[in-house]
Amino acid sequence: MATYHGNVTSMAQRAPDAAAAPVIRTISFAELGRALRRGWEDFKAVPSHAILLCVIYPVLGLVLARVALGYSVIPLLFPLAAGFALIGPFAALGLYEMSRRRERGEPATAWDALEVLRSPSFGAMLGFGVLLLALFVTWVATAQAIYIAAFGYAGVTGFSDFATRVLTTPQGWWLIVVGCGVGFLFALVALCISVVSFPLMLDRHAGAGDAMVTSLRAVAHNPVPMAAWGLIVAVLLVAGTLPFFLGLAVVIPLLGHATWHLYRETIEPELNPQPLPPRPHRERKPAADFPANLFPWRRRDDD
């Protein structure tokens, strides 16, 4: 079970209204490194979920886009890859749950990751996820508009043609500068509103608005470390896309687990957490009982 160190403020020094809002710690680069190390430990302990939760959706999405759009999707490959940083905090919900369970010494398997669906705050997390999805769609549309402004509606004939356009022409250089600048603004917004939001909702069952405000406070309180964290996320995502996006199978779960530990480093634990009623036990029924499981009352009648 992990223990966390930080600038823990004594109870006597806290303001009377401290219980109304999470207390933000001052973190440094050391805490970022510790979060990454613990995220890697979580990934090594339960790596089987990586394909299920983190590889299928980006790879399948790219395959479907390639089939549907042909080479016209090539200019959008980088914006799509960069966009993973926008929706990643929501996509990693199961990873947060697994890190939380390992932290408590509870079972942490791919099946247990689905327990996040039963969280009292799942509705708030889902709503926040829709907001991030809208941000992602807006970014992709904006990236496409920037490309059209640079090269018009003419398609590309392959990767070499696209690389030649982008790397050897003034329009391509303009595309790189403007595209990266606009993408940075989108990533900055996503980082500020979500860096600790989903872990907070999962851990304390906070509302989406309170979680967003807490995330903004955390960034404002630790601007340099949070900027460094955003840079780490960007570099790792780029590294993960290089071998045909397959590196995301490691990068995304690593960042997901590390984000949970970054939350623990940044937000002080509750002094008096309110206990929730225990969740009803969910029996794991064998597949051989299907479809009888759909009619449990008939089984009771038979008894």
Foldseek 3Di string as FASTA:
>chain_A
DDDEDFDDDDPVPDDPCCLVAFDWTADDVVLLVVLLVVLVVLCVVEVPCLCVQWVCVVVVVVVVCCVVPPQQCVLLPVLVLLLCLLLLLLSLQLLLQQLVCVVVVHDRYNVSSCCLVVAPLVVQSVVVSVVSVVLSVVLSVVLVVLVCVLPNDDGADDDVRVCCVLPPDPSNVVSVVVSVVVSVVSSVLSQQQRLCLSLCCRPQVDGSVSSRVNSNVLCVSHVVVSVVVSVVLSVQSVVCPPVVNNNSSPSSSSVSSSSSSSNPNTTPDNPDRDDDPDDDDDDDDDPVCPPVVVPVVVVVVVD
